[in-house]
Amino acid sequence: MTLKARILLAMMAVMGLQAAANDGGRPDVESAMMFAPLVYENYNGDVAERHDVAPAKAGLYTLDAGDGWLREAMENSTRVHNVRSRAMIENPQLVAYNANRLPEAPPEGVIAVDPRQAMLTIAPAQVAVDEVTPPEAPAQPLHNWLHVFNASLQFTQAYISGNWYQGGENNLALLGSLNWNCNLNQDLHPNWLFNNALSYKLGIATTHGDSIRKYLINEDNFLFTSQLGYKAVKNWYYSAMLQFTTQFMNNYKTNTRTMTAAFLSPAELNIGLGMTYNLKKADDRMFTLAVAPISYNLKYCRNITDIDPTRFGIDAGKHCKSTVGSNFEAKLLWRFNPSVMLSSRFYMFTNYQYVQGDWENTLDFNIGKYLTTQFYTHLRFDRSRPRDNDWNYWQFKEIISLGVIYRFATVN
């Protein structure tokens, strides 16, 4: 061994002992590495060109807290690495191993003695693994009925055509609405379709053009729909449909005591038999199409003393009028994202002498959890009523509102 190699080994020993002494006499990783056999891993030209063994430069890494311990550890590690690399480069005869040629470590095993054959055998170690039974997840309750409830209170701006069948005028108003849906869980009852929806809207507006009343009712609509069906094929169901609509509050023509609407004046009931197509894409898109070739329609006006029943397609002096025909209804619910949702409903009834239809669209913009903006349009066509000079048989209502909303729902 050359004198230079002996000096390097002595330096390694001294540095290892010094590191151990600095740590209270306890050997650490750096001192142990100084005495480990030299193993060649790769060539480091930067170390080969050096003429000294300098510690790593301080300040390469900084911490918000005190990092003296980290710098010291990095310096010691770099010092050991440089010493060992210089020793291998300048004295390759001291390198005992090559990392690329080291054999694989033998697997752990258990030595078994066989006295009859005077042999020792090594068997794979058996690792005892305790079987852990994962805790059972609590059973989630399954609901036969799925409920969705919405309640909102909003400020509104409204435009109403002059021939709107319930009366009203352009205004700024306060609008409250309740919506409740109760549907049979099709995951538990895949062959049945039973959807029920109830909604009520009440709008109260201040009026500047009415010298008799300080406010008026510009929206008063109670609507209940129900569908019961049994699966025919794929998404089609044999179904029976029911729809009932009315209002609760009295309403008057501006600056007069002429009543235009009241409780059950008007009221309308429609019952139909036919087929329903129901399609649901996750929870963001739902489409329902109901066709009833056989449909019964009943129009009713409870108060014919103060209200002209012909406004609702009922013969003069009569409380009700019933006809048989066909109806068609399509509903669409499309949630574009968690904050924007479109709901649309198109309904049409005909007794083959006149046609009556409604097309309602509501676009909801949710602002946070409890704030919402709504844009609502309602287009109506009714040939059972007298013709209007400006709007013919068409009627139109539009409402823009901003307010608060509360939602509640049950899931599977």
Protein backbone atom coordinates (compact mmCIF):
# COMPACT_ATOMS: atom_id res chain seq x y z
CA MET A 1 0.00 0.00 0.00
CA THR A 2 1.33 3.38 -0.93
CA LEU A 3 2.00 6.11 1.57
CA LYS A 4 -0.74 8.27 0.07
CA ALA A 5 -3.33 5.52 0.49
CA ARG A 6 -2.30 5.00 4.11
CA ILE A 7 -2.68 8.74 4.75
CA LEU A 8 -6.19 8.74 3.23
CA LEU A 9 -7.27 5.77 5.35
CA ALA A 10 -5.84 7.50 8.42
CA MET A 11 -7.77 10.65 7.55
CA MET A 12 -10.94 8.59 7.25
CA ALA A 13 -10.35 7.00 10.63
CA VAL A 14 -9.56 10.31 12.34
CA MET A 15 -12.62 12.01 10.84
CA GLY A 16 -14.85 9.14 11.88
CA LEU A 17 -13.53 9.14 15.42
CA GLN A 18 -13.86 12.91 15.62
CA ALA A 19 -17.51 12.74 14.45
CA ALA A 20 -18.22 10.09 17.08
CA ALA A 21 -16.57 12.21 19.78
CA ASN A 22 -18.57 15.26 18.79
CA ASP A 23 -21.73 13.21 19.27
CA GLY A 24 -20.90 12.25 22.81
CA GLY A 25 -18.91 9.15 21.99
CA ARG A 26 -21.71 7.47 20.06
CA PRO A 27 -20.92 6.30 16.53
CA ASP A 28 -23.09 7.98 13.86
CA VAL A 29 -23.79 7.29 10.23
CA GLU A 30 -20.87 9.40 8.95
CA SER A 31 -18.25 7.71 11.18
CA ALA A 32 -19.58 4.25 10.31
CA MET A 33 -19.35 5.05 6.60
CA MET A 34 -15.66 5.99 7.01
CA PHE A 35 -14.81 2.39 7.96
CA ALA A 36 -17.16 0.71 5.44
CA PRO A 37 -15.57 -1.13 2.47
CA LEU A 38 -15.11 0.98 -0.64
CA VAL A 39 -17.81 0.29 -3.26
CA TYR A 40 -17.51 1.85 -6.71
CA GLU A 41 -20.83 3.30 -7.93
CA ASN A 42 -20.08 5.93 -10.58
CA TYR A 43 -17.37 8.34 -11.71
CA ASN A 44 -17.48 11.85 -10.31
CA GLY A 45 -15.08 14.02 -12.32
CA ASP A 46 -15.77 17.06 -10.15
CA VAL A 47 -14.35 15.28 -7.10
CA ALA A 48 -11.36 13.92 -9.09
CA GLU A 49 -10.27 17.39 -10.10
CA ARG A 50 -10.30 18.75 -6.56
CA HIS A 51 -7.14 19.07 -4.52
CA ASP A 52 -8.84 19.41 -1.17
CA VAL A 53 -11.74 17.92 0.66
CA ALA A 54 -13.92 20.93 1.43
CA PRO A 55 -17.32 20.82 3.09
CA ALA A 56 -20.45 21.70 1.17
CA LYS A 57 -21.05 25.37 0.67
CA ALA A 58 -23.32 26.84 3.30
CA GLY A 59 -26.38 28.75 2.26
CA LEU A 60 -27.52 26.46 -0.55
CA TYR A 61 -30.63 25.57 1.43
CA THR A 62 -32.37 27.80 3.93
CA LEU A 63 -35.26 27.21 6.28
CA ASP A 64 -37.51 29.64 8.06
CA ALA A 65 -36.49 28.05 11.37
CA GLY A 66 -32.95 27.43 12.62
CA ASP A 67 -31.22 25.15 10.10
CA GLY A 68 -27.75 24.81 11.59
CA TRP A 69 -28.32 21.12 12.24
CA LEU A 70 -29.27 20.59 8.59
CA ARG A 71 -26.19 22.39 7.26
CA GLU A 72 -23.93 20.39 9.59
CA ALA A 73 -25.49 17.09 8.50
CA MET A 74 -25.14 17.99 4.82
CA GLU A 75 -21.51 19.04 5.31
CA ASN A 76 -20.66 15.78 7.09
CA SER A 77 -22.36 13.72 4.41
CA THR A 78 -20.59 15.59 1.60
CA ARG A 79 -17.25 15.30 3.39
CA VAL A 80 -17.61 11.51 3.74
CA HIS A 81 -18.66 11.17 0.10
CA ASN A 82 -15.70 13.22 -1.15
CA VAL A 83 -13.16 11.36 1.01
CA ARG A 84 -14.38 7.98 -0.19
CA SER A 85 -14.51 9.11 -3.83
CA ARG A 86 -10.93 10.48 -3.71
CA ALA A 87 -9.70 7.29 -2.07
CA MET A 88 -11.24 5.15 -4.84
CA ILE A 89 -10.03 7.37 -7.70
CA GLU A 90 -6.43 7.71 -6.49
CA ASN A 91 -6.14 4.14 -5.13
CA PRO A 92 -8.35 1.83 -7.23
CA GLN A 93 -6.58 -1.22 -5.72
CA LEU A 94 -8.44 -0.46 -2.46
CA VAL A 95 -11.88 -0.77 -4.11
CA ALA A 96 -13.21 -4.12 -3.02
CA TYR A 97 -16.58 -4.10 -4.80
CA ASN A 98 -18.40 -2.75 -7.84
CA ALA A 99 -22.02 -1.79 -7.19
CA ASN A 100 -23.07 -3.08 -10.65
CA ARG A 101 -21.63 -6.55 -9.96
CA LEU A 102 -22.75 -7.15 -6.42
CA PRO A 103 -24.84 -10.34 -6.10
CA GLU A 104 -28.45 -10.20 -5.03
CA ALA A 105 -28.96 -10.53 -1.32
CA PRO A 106 -30.12 -14.04 -0.40
CA PRO A 107 -33.76 -14.29 0.61
CA GLU A 108 -34.55 -14.51 4.26
CA GLY A 109 -35.10 -18.06 5.36
CA VAL A 110 -35.27 -20.47 8.29
CA ILE A 111 -32.53 -23.14 8.73
CA ALA A 112 -33.96 -26.59 9.31
CA VAL A 113 -31.85 -29.54 10.55
CA ASP A 114 -32.40 -33.03 9.13
CA PRO A 115 -30.42 -35.48 11.43
CA ARG A 116 -31.20 -38.54 9.34
CA GLN A 117 -29.51 -37.09 6.26
CA ALA A 118 -27.08 -34.88 8.16
CA MET A 119 -28.16 -31.87 6.13
CA LEU A 120 -29.10 -28.29 6.77
CA THR A 121 -31.87 -26.85 4.60
CA ILE A 122 -33.04 -23.27 4.27
CA ALA A 123 -36.77 -22.85 3.96
CA PRO A 124 -38.54 -19.56 3.14
CA ALA A 125 -39.48 -17.67 6.24
CA GLN A 126 -43.15 -17.83 7.04
CA VAL A 127 -44.46 -14.42 7.87
CA ALA A 128 -47.44 -14.57 10.12
CA VAL A 129 -50.06 -12.10 8.93
CA ASP A 130 -52.91 -11.41 11.22
CA GLU A 131 -56.13 -11.44 9.32
CA VAL A 132 -57.83 -8.14 9.94
CA THR A 133 -61.51 -8.03 9.20
CA PRO A 134 -62.41 -4.55 8.01
CA PRO A 135 -65.20 -2.98 9.99
CA GLU A 136 -68.54 -3.23 8.31
CA ALA A 137 -69.72 0.04 6.89
CA PRO A 138 -72.93 1.23 8.50
CA ALA A 139 -75.90 0.31 6.38
CA GLN A 140 -77.24 3.27 4.46
CA PRO A 141 -81.01 3.60 4.77
CA LEU A 142 -82.84 3.08 1.49
CA HIS A 143 -85.80 5.34 0.86
CA ASN A 144 -88.81 4.25 -1.13
CA TRP A 145 -89.68 7.89 -1.72
CA LEU A 146 -87.25 10.60 -2.77
CA HIS A 147 -88.15 14.12 -1.70
CA VAL A 148 -86.87 17.44 -3.03
CA PHE A 149 -88.10 20.66 -1.42
CA ASN A 150 -87.30 24.23 -2.47
CA ALA A 151 -88.51 27.46 -0.90
CA SER A 152 -87.54 30.90 -2.13
CA LEU A 153 -88.36 34.55 -1.52
CA GLN A 154 -87.36 36.94 -4.29
CA PHE A 155 -87.67 40.47 -5.52
CA THR A 156 -89.07 40.58 -9.02
CA GLN A 157 -89.57 42.69 -12.10
CA ALA A 158 -92.44 41.52 -14.28
CA TYR A 159 -93.96 42.20 -17.67
CA ILE A 160 -97.49 40.89 -18.30
CA SER A 161 -99.48 41.15 -21.48
CA GLY A 162 -102.74 43.06 -21.21
CA ASN A 163 -104.85 40.00 -21.95
CA TRP A 164 -103.26 37.70 -19.34
CA TYR A 165 -106.08 35.41 -18.17
CA GLN A 166 -105.49 36.17 -14.47
CA GLY A 167 -104.99 39.90 -14.94
CA GLY A 168 -102.09 41.98 -13.58
CA GLU A 169 -99.77 44.78 -14.73
CA ASN A 170 -96.08 45.58 -15.16
CA ASN A 171 -94.51 46.09 -11.75
CA LEU A 172 -91.83 45.52 -9.17
CA ALA A 173 -92.90 42.89 -6.70
CA LEU A 174 -92.08 40.34 -4.04
CA LEU A 175 -92.38 36.71 -5.13
CA GLY A 176 -92.49 33.65 -2.87
CA SER A 177 -92.49 30.10 -4.19
CA LEU A 178 -92.67 26.58 -2.81
CA ASN A 179 -91.76 23.44 -4.78
CA TRP A 180 -92.04 19.89 -3.54
CA ASN A 181 -91.29 16.73 -5.51
CA CYS A 182 -92.02 13.26 -4.17
CA ASN A 183 -90.95 10.46 -6.51
CA LEU A 184 -90.83 6.70 -6.15
CA ASN A 185 -87.24 5.42 -5.95
CA GLN A 186 -86.71 3.58 -9.23
CA ASP A 187 -83.53 1.92 -7.95
CA LEU A 188 -85.75 -0.07 -5.60
CA HIS A 189 -88.78 -0.27 -7.92
CA PRO A 190 -87.38 -0.36 -11.48
CA ASN A 191 -90.69 -1.36 -13.09
CA TRP A 192 -92.74 1.45 -11.61
CA LEU A 193 -92.91 5.16 -12.28
CA PHE A 194 -94.67 7.36 -9.74
CA ASN A 195 -93.77 11.07 -9.80
CA ASN A 196 -95.60 13.77 -7.87
CA ALA A 197 -94.91 17.50 -7.97
CA LEU A 198 -96.56 20.36 -6.12
CA SER A 199 -95.74 24.02 -6.61
CA TYR A 200 -97.20 27.31 -5.47
CA LYS A 201 -96.17 30.83 -6.44
CA LEU A 202 -97.51 34.00 -4.87
CA GLY A 203 -96.45 37.44 -6.04
CA ILE A 204 -97.49 40.68 -4.34
CA ALA A 205 -96.71 44.01 -6.01
CA THR A 206 -97.23 47.62 -5.12
CA THR A 207 -99.40 49.43 -7.61
CA HIS A 208 -99.15 53.10 -8.50
CA GLY A 209 -101.96 53.21 -11.02
CA ASP A 210 -104.67 51.82 -8.72
CA SER A 211 -106.40 54.42 -6.54
CA ILE A 212 -108.50 51.79 -4.72
CA ARG A 213 -105.84 49.31 -3.61
CA LYS A 214 -102.24 49.77 -2.50
CA TYR A 215 -101.11 46.39 -3.79
CA LEU A 216 -102.20 43.72 -6.23
CA ILE A 217 -101.65 40.01 -6.78
CA ASN A 218 -99.63 39.51 -9.94
CA GLU A 219 -98.82 35.83 -9.47
CA ASP A 220 -101.02 33.25 -7.77
CA ASN A 221 -100.63 29.78 -9.17
CA PHE A 222 -101.10 26.43 -7.47
CA LEU A 223 -100.13 23.40 -9.57
CA PHE A 224 -100.19 19.70 -8.72
CA THR A 225 -99.14 16.99 -11.17
CA SER A 226 -98.93 13.23 -10.76
CA GLN A 227 -97.81 10.38 -13.01
CA LEU A 228 -98.27 6.68 -12.33
CA GLY A 229 -96.78 4.20 -14.77
CA TYR A 230 -95.77 0.58 -15.24
CA LYS A 231 -92.80 -0.30 -17.43
CA ALA A 232 -93.59 -1.40 -20.97
CA VAL A 233 -90.21 -1.51 -22.73
CA LYS A 234 -86.89 0.22 -21.96
CA ASN A 235 -87.78 3.80 -20.92
CA TRP A 236 -91.47 3.64 -21.89
CA TYR A 237 -94.27 3.20 -19.34
CA TYR A 238 -98.01 2.64 -19.54
CA SER A 239 -99.20 5.59 -17.51
CA ALA A 240 -102.03 7.62 -16.03
CA MET A 241 -101.54 11.37 -15.60
CA LEU A 242 -103.29 13.97 -13.46
CA GLN A 243 -102.92 17.74 -13.37
CA PHE A 244 -104.78 20.25 -11.21
CA THR A 245 -104.25 24.02 -11.13
CA THR A 246 -105.99 26.92 -9.43
CA GLN A 247 -105.28 30.05 -7.37
CA PHE A 248 -106.14 31.17 -3.81
CA MET A 249 -106.25 34.98 -3.65
CA ASN A 250 -108.74 37.46 -5.07
CA ASN A 251 -107.56 39.65 -7.90
CA TYR A 252 -109.17 42.78 -9.39
CA LYS A 253 -108.94 44.93 -12.46
CA THR A 254 -107.03 48.18 -11.87
CA ASN A 255 -109.13 51.10 -10.51
CA THR A 256 -112.28 48.95 -10.48
CA ARG A 257 -114.00 46.48 -8.21
CA THR A 258 -114.33 44.00 -11.05
CA MET A 259 -112.95 40.68 -9.83
CA THR A 260 -110.79 38.83 -12.35
CA ALA A 261 -109.87 35.72 -10.34
CA ALA A 262 -110.45 34.09 -6.96
CA PHE A 263 -110.11 30.76 -5.16
CA LEU A 264 -111.18 27.96 -7.55
CA SER A 265 -112.05 30.64 -10.06
CA PRO A 266 -110.65 29.41 -12.29
CA ALA A 267 -109.64 25.82 -11.54
CA GLU A 268 -108.71 23.18 -14.07
CA LEU A 269 -108.41 19.39 -13.81
CA ASN A 270 -106.99 17.12 -16.48
CA ILE A 271 -106.78 13.31 -16.35
CA GLY A 272 -105.20 11.28 -19.15
CA LEU A 273 -104.23 7.73 -20.09
CA GLY A 274 -101.35 6.95 -22.40
CA MET A 275 -97.60 6.39 -22.48
CA THR A 276 -94.71 8.12 -20.70
CA TYR A 277 -91.07 8.21 -21.73
CA ASN A 278 -88.70 8.77 -18.81
CA LEU A 279 -84.95 9.33 -19.25
CA LYS A 280 -82.46 10.22 -16.51
CA LYS A 281 -78.77 10.93 -17.08
CA ALA A 282 -77.13 10.92 -13.63
CA ASP A 283 -78.52 13.86 -11.62
CA ASP A 284 -77.87 16.65 -14.10
CA ARG A 285 -80.24 15.78 -16.97
CA MET A 286 -83.80 14.46 -16.80
CA PHE A 287 -86.39 14.35 -19.54
CA THR A 288 -90.02 13.19 -19.38
CA LEU A 289 -92.44 12.96 -22.26
CA ALA A 290 -96.10 12.04 -21.64
CA VAL A 291 -98.65 11.43 -24.41
CA ALA A 292 -102.29 10.79 -23.49
CA PRO A 293 -104.54 10.06 -26.50
CA ILE A 294 -107.47 9.81 -24.09
CA SER A 295 -107.78 12.83 -21.82
CA TYR A 296 -110.56 14.36 -19.74
CA ASN A 297 -110.49 18.12 -19.07
CA LEU A 298 -112.66 19.94 -16.53
CA LYS A 299 -112.73 23.74 -16.20
CA TYR A 300 -114.42 25.16 -13.11
CA CYS A 301 -115.34 28.66 -11.87
CA ARG A 302 -116.76 28.73 -8.34
CA ASN A 303 -117.72 32.43 -8.29
CA ILE A 304 -119.78 33.26 -11.36
CA THR A 305 -121.50 36.19 -9.62
CA ASP A 306 -118.45 38.45 -9.54
CA ILE A 307 -116.35 36.80 -12.26
CA ASP A 308 -117.17 36.30 -15.92
CA PRO A 309 -116.70 32.55 -16.59
CA THR A 310 -116.28 33.13 -20.32
CA ARG A 311 -112.78 34.47 -19.52
CA PHE A 312 -111.81 30.87 -18.81
CA GLY A 313 -113.57 29.16 -21.69
CA ILE A 314 -116.74 28.33 -19.69
CA ASP A 315 -120.17 29.08 -21.05
CA ALA A 316 -121.93 32.12 -19.53
CA GLY A 317 -123.93 31.27 -16.40
CA LYS A 318 -122.20 27.89 -15.99
CA HIS A 319 -119.82 26.85 -13.24
CA CYS A 320 -117.96 24.19 -15.20
CA LYS A 321 -117.27 22.77 -18.61
CA SER A 322 -115.91 19.32 -19.34
CA THR A 323 -114.46 18.03 -22.59
CA VAL A 324 -112.68 14.92 -23.83
CA GLY A 325 -109.60 15.09 -26.01
CA SER A 326 -105.86 14.49 -25.91
CA ASN A 327 -102.97 16.04 -24.05
CA PHE A 328 -99.21 16.20 -24.38
CA GLU A 329 -96.61 17.17 -21.77
CA ALA A 330 -92.80 17.40 -21.92
CA LYS A 331 -90.50 18.26 -19.00
CA LEU A 332 -86.79 18.95 -19.12
CA LEU A 333 -84.36 19.49 -16.22
CA TRP A 334 -80.77 20.30 -17.22
CA ARG A 335 -78.11 21.25 -14.69
CA PHE A 336 -75.26 22.77 -16.70
CA ASN A 337 -73.06 23.05 -13.59
CA PRO A 338 -73.66 23.31 -9.83
CA SER A 339 -74.62 26.98 -10.23
CA VAL A 340 -76.79 27.06 -13.39
CA MET A 341 -79.94 25.01 -14.00
CA LEU A 342 -82.69 25.12 -16.63
CA SER A 343 -86.15 23.65 -16.09
CA SER A 344 -88.71 23.66 -18.87
CA ARG A 345 -92.30 22.43 -19.14
CA PHE A 346 -94.50 22.29 -22.24
CA TYR A 347 -98.16 21.27 -21.94
CA MET A 348 -100.90 21.12 -24.56
CA PHE A 349 -104.53 19.98 -24.54
CA THR A 350 -106.98 19.81 -27.41
CA ASN A 351 -110.54 18.57 -27.72
CA TYR A 352 -110.16 18.82 -31.53
CA GLN A 353 -112.17 22.06 -31.52
CA TYR A 354 -109.74 24.33 -29.68
CA VAL A 355 -106.11 24.14 -28.50
CA GLN A 356 -104.75 25.22 -25.14
CA GLY A 357 -101.04 25.20 -24.36
CA ASP A 358 -98.49 26.42 -21.80
CA TRP A 359 -94.72 26.68 -22.13
CA GLU A 360 -92.83 27.60 -18.94
CA ASN A 361 -89.06 28.08 -18.64
CA THR A 362 -87.05 28.86 -15.52
CA LEU A 363 -83.31 29.58 -15.58
CA ASP A 364 -81.70 29.51 -12.11
CA PHE A 365 -78.36 31.12 -11.29
CA ASN A 366 -77.20 30.16 -7.80
CA ILE A 367 -75.01 32.68 -5.99
CA GLY A 368 -73.53 30.77 -3.10
CA LYS A 369 -75.72 28.45 -1.06
CA TYR A 370 -78.71 30.64 -0.27
CA LEU A 371 -78.80 33.34 -2.96
CA THR A 372 -80.30 32.84 -6.40
CA THR A 373 -81.31 34.77 -9.50
CA GLN A 374 -84.18 33.51 -11.65
CA PHE A 375 -85.35 34.31 -15.15
CA TYR A 376 -88.89 32.98 -15.73
CA THR A 377 -91.01 33.09 -18.88
CA HIS A 378 -94.52 31.73 -19.44
CA LEU A 379 -96.04 31.64 -22.90
CA ARG A 380 -99.70 30.60 -23.14
CA PHE A 381 -102.02 29.92 -26.07
CA ASP A 382 -105.76 29.44 -25.46
CA ARG A 383 -108.34 29.43 -28.24
CA SER A 384 -111.17 28.70 -25.79
CA ARG A 385 -111.07 32.34 -24.64
CA PRO A 386 -112.34 35.40 -26.51
CA ARG A 387 -109.83 36.80 -28.99
CA ASP A 388 -107.75 39.82 -27.88
CA ASN A 389 -107.16 42.68 -30.32
CA ASP A 390 -103.45 43.02 -29.51
CA TRP A 391 -102.30 39.53 -28.57
CA ASN A 392 -104.84 37.41 -30.44
CA TYR A 393 -105.00 34.09 -28.52
CA TRP A 394 -101.50 34.42 -27.08
CA GLN A 395 -100.57 35.44 -23.52
CA PHE A 396 -97.14 36.11 -22.10
CA LYS A 397 -95.51 36.61 -18.69
CA GLU A 398 -91.85 37.31 -17.84
CA ILE A 399 -90.26 37.63 -14.40
CA ILE A 400 -86.67 38.43 -13.38
CA SER A 401 -85.99 37.99 -9.67
CA LEU A 402 -83.20 38.03 -7.11
CA GLY A 403 -83.57 36.60 -3.65
CA VAL A 404 -82.87 33.84 -1.13
CA ILE A 405 -83.59 30.13 -1.47
CA TYR A 406 -83.61 27.06 0.79
CA ARG A 407 -83.31 23.50 -0.51
CA PHE A 408 -83.83 20.13 1.10
CA ALA A 409 -83.54 16.69 -0.51
CA THR A 410 -83.37 12.98 0.41
CA VAL A 411 -81.19 10.58 -1.58
CA ASN A 412 -80.89 6.81 -1.87
